[in-house]
Amino acid sequence: MRKARAEDVEPIFDIRTSVVQNHLSREQLSDMGITPETLIEMLAADAGIWIAEVDGIPAAFSSIDDEDGSVFALFVSPDFEGLGLGRLLLQEAETALFRTHETIWLETDGHDGIRANGFYQKHGWIHVDTMANGDVRYEKRRPAE
């Protein structure tokens, strides 16, 4: 696992658009303001974006918004599921966020059958709210030292 670089922009988009659950197309991402240009700007600002590789192939990524204390994205390519990459990326994101936040949060699709919900709960995240659109909010407090 390593910090993402400018040359990772296309692999990040490939991973993000390859997932089956919580899938978004490039067009949908663009409509949300997530474009190659905005990603390059984030990388230039040393935003918290990490890549996990398998045999040199980008297989998963995560990103945080340190300003608001959130895990913004965590996605694993379907070809590389079950290898523990999501767990490693989540740990990295949590560690970074807990440096400056007591409580961190994320939102994900809350519909039945979405595996992300079980994943986050397994890793100590607490469901705190369900949005009108069906998304759910999870929070996690910094562990006591």
Protein backbone atom coordinates (compact mmCIF):
# COMPACT_ATOMS: atom_id res chain seq x y z
CA MET A 1 0.00 0.00 0.00
CA ARG A 2 1.21 3.49 -0.83
CA LYS A 3 0.08 7.07 -1.27
CA ALA A 4 -1.58 7.63 -4.63
CA ARG A 5 0.25 9.59 -7.33
CA ALA A 6 -0.88 11.45 -10.46
CA GLU A 7 -0.34 8.35 -12.61
CA ASP A 8 -2.93 6.55 -10.46
CA VAL A 9 -5.84 8.71 -11.62
CA GLU A 10 -6.97 6.34 -14.38
CA PRO A 11 -6.55 3.19 -12.24
CA ILE A 12 -8.57 4.86 -9.46
CA PHE A 13 -11.39 5.58 -11.90
CA ASP A 14 -11.12 2.03 -13.29
CA ILE A 15 -11.44 0.56 -9.79
CA ARG A 16 -14.30 2.88 -8.82
CA THR A 17 -16.32 2.10 -11.94
CA SER A 18 -15.61 -1.66 -11.77
CA VAL A 19 -17.51 -2.34 -8.55
CA VAL A 20 -20.91 -3.99 -8.73
CA GLN A 21 -22.42 -2.65 -5.51
CA ASN A 22 -22.61 1.13 -5.13
CA HIS A 23 -21.57 1.41 -8.78
CA LEU A 24 -21.20 4.83 -10.35
CA SER A 25 -20.27 5.53 -13.94
CA ARG A 26 -17.70 8.12 -14.99
CA GLU A 27 -20.59 10.36 -16.02
CA GLN A 28 -22.23 10.05 -12.61
CA LEU A 29 -18.92 10.77 -10.89
CA SER A 30 -18.42 13.81 -13.10
CA ASP A 31 -21.91 15.06 -12.20
CA MET A 32 -20.78 14.86 -8.55
CA GLY A 33 -17.69 16.93 -9.35
CA ILE A 34 -15.31 13.96 -9.30
CA THR A 35 -13.23 14.21 -12.46
CA PRO A 36 -9.65 13.37 -13.39
CA GLU A 37 -8.85 17.07 -12.98
CA THR A 38 -10.29 17.31 -9.46
CA LEU A 39 -8.51 14.09 -8.49
CA ILE A 40 -5.20 15.47 -9.78
CA GLU A 41 -5.79 18.62 -7.69
CA MET A 42 -6.44 16.47 -4.61
CA LEU A 43 -3.26 14.50 -5.21
CA ALA A 44 -1.25 17.68 -5.68
CA ALA A 45 -2.57 18.91 -2.32
CA ASP A 46 -1.37 15.62 -0.77
CA ALA A 47 -4.89 14.58 0.11
CA GLY A 48 -5.23 11.27 1.92
CA ILE A 49 -5.55 8.87 -0.99
CA TRP A 50 -3.95 5.44 -0.90
CA ILE A 51 -3.56 2.66 -3.46
CA ALA A 52 -3.21 -1.05 -2.70
CA GLU A 53 -1.47 -3.07 -5.39
CA VAL A 54 -1.24 -6.77 -6.10
CA ASP A 55 1.82 -7.74 -8.12
CA GLY A 56 2.19 -4.11 -9.21
CA ILE A 57 -1.44 -3.82 -10.35
CA PRO A 58 -3.63 -1.18 -8.66
CA ALA A 59 -6.34 -3.25 -6.98
CA ALA A 60 -8.04 -0.98 -4.41
CA PHE A 61 -8.02 2.57 -3.12
CA SER A 62 -9.26 4.68 -0.26
CA SER A 63 -9.50 8.40 0.33
CA ILE A 64 -10.33 10.62 3.24
CA ASP A 65 -11.53 14.15 3.79
CA ASP A 66 -9.36 15.17 6.72
CA GLU A 67 -11.11 18.52 6.98
CA ASP A 68 -14.47 17.01 7.93
CA GLY A 69 -13.13 13.74 9.38
CA SER A 70 -14.63 11.34 6.87
CA VAL A 71 -13.64 8.27 4.94
CA PHE A 72 -14.68 9.57 1.53
CA ALA A 73 -14.13 6.40 -0.51
CA LEU A 74 -12.95 2.82 -0.16
CA PHE A 75 -13.26 0.50 -3.14
CA VAL A 76 -11.75 -2.84 -4.10
CA SER A 77 -11.72 -4.11 -7.68
CA PRO A 78 -13.91 -7.23 -7.96
CA ASP A 79 -10.87 -9.12 -9.30
CA PHE A 80 -9.06 -8.59 -5.99
CA GLU A 81 -11.77 -9.03 -3.36
CA GLY A 82 -11.12 -11.23 -0.35
CA LEU A 83 -7.40 -10.43 -0.05
CA GLY A 84 -7.70 -8.07 2.93
CA LEU A 85 -7.00 -4.94 0.89
CA GLY A 86 -10.12 -3.16 2.13
CA ARG A 87 -9.14 -3.82 5.75
CA LEU A 88 -5.61 -2.46 5.20
CA LEU A 89 -6.88 0.65 3.44
CA LEU A 90 -9.51 1.26 6.11
CA GLN A 91 -6.88 1.00 8.85
CA GLU A 92 -4.69 3.54 7.02
CA ALA A 93 -7.62 5.94 6.60
CA GLU A 94 -8.65 5.59 10.25
CA THR A 95 -5.10 6.16 11.49
CA ALA A 96 -4.80 9.33 9.42
CA LEU A 97 -8.17 10.69 10.53
CA PHE A 98 -7.70 9.89 14.22
CA ARG A 99 -4.61 12.10 14.25
CA THR A 100 -6.92 15.13 14.19
CA HIS A 101 -10.42 13.86 15.00
CA GLU A 102 -11.98 12.17 18.04
CA THR A 103 -14.91 10.85 15.98
CA ILE A 104 -14.74 9.97 12.30
CA TRP A 105 -17.57 9.12 9.93
CA LEU A 106 -18.56 7.72 6.57
CA GLU A 107 -21.69 7.20 4.54
CA THR A 108 -22.54 4.26 2.31
CA ASP A 109 -25.48 2.60 0.60
CA GLY A 110 -27.79 1.22 3.27
CA HIS A 111 -29.97 -1.01 1.12
CA ASP A 112 -30.29 -4.71 1.93
CA GLY A 113 -27.52 -6.89 0.62
CA ILE A 114 -24.85 -4.18 0.47
CA ARG A 115 -21.73 -5.90 1.79
CA ALA A 116 -20.05 -2.65 2.85
CA ASN A 117 -22.39 -2.41 5.84
CA GLY A 118 -21.23 -5.70 7.32
CA PHE A 119 -17.62 -4.80 6.54
CA TYR A 120 -17.77 -1.52 8.43
CA GLN A 121 -19.68 -3.01 11.36
CA LYS A 122 -17.12 -5.82 11.60
CA HIS A 123 -14.43 -3.17 11.92
CA GLY A 124 -16.10 -1.32 14.79
CA TRP A 125 -18.14 1.29 12.96
CA ILE A 126 -21.51 2.16 14.53
CA HIS A 127 -24.63 2.87 12.44
CA VAL A 128 -25.88 6.26 13.67
CA ASP A 129 -28.34 7.44 11.01
CA THR A 130 -30.26 6.46 7.90
CA MET A 131 -30.74 9.16 5.28
CA ALA A 132 -33.91 9.74 3.24
CA ASN A 133 -32.16 8.33 0.14
CA GLY A 134 -31.37 5.04 1.91
CA ASP A 135 -27.70 5.79 2.59
CA VAL A 136 -26.46 5.14 6.11
CA ARG A 137 -24.01 7.04 8.28
CA TYR A 138 -21.46 5.25 10.42
CA GLU A 139 -19.22 6.73 13.07
CA LYS A 140 -16.20 5.49 14.97
CA ARG A 141 -14.54 7.00 18.04
CA ARG A 142 -10.81 7.13 18.55
CA PRO A 143 -9.78 4.18 20.71
CA ALA A 144 -8.67 5.01 24.24
CA GLU A 145 -4.92 4.95 24.62
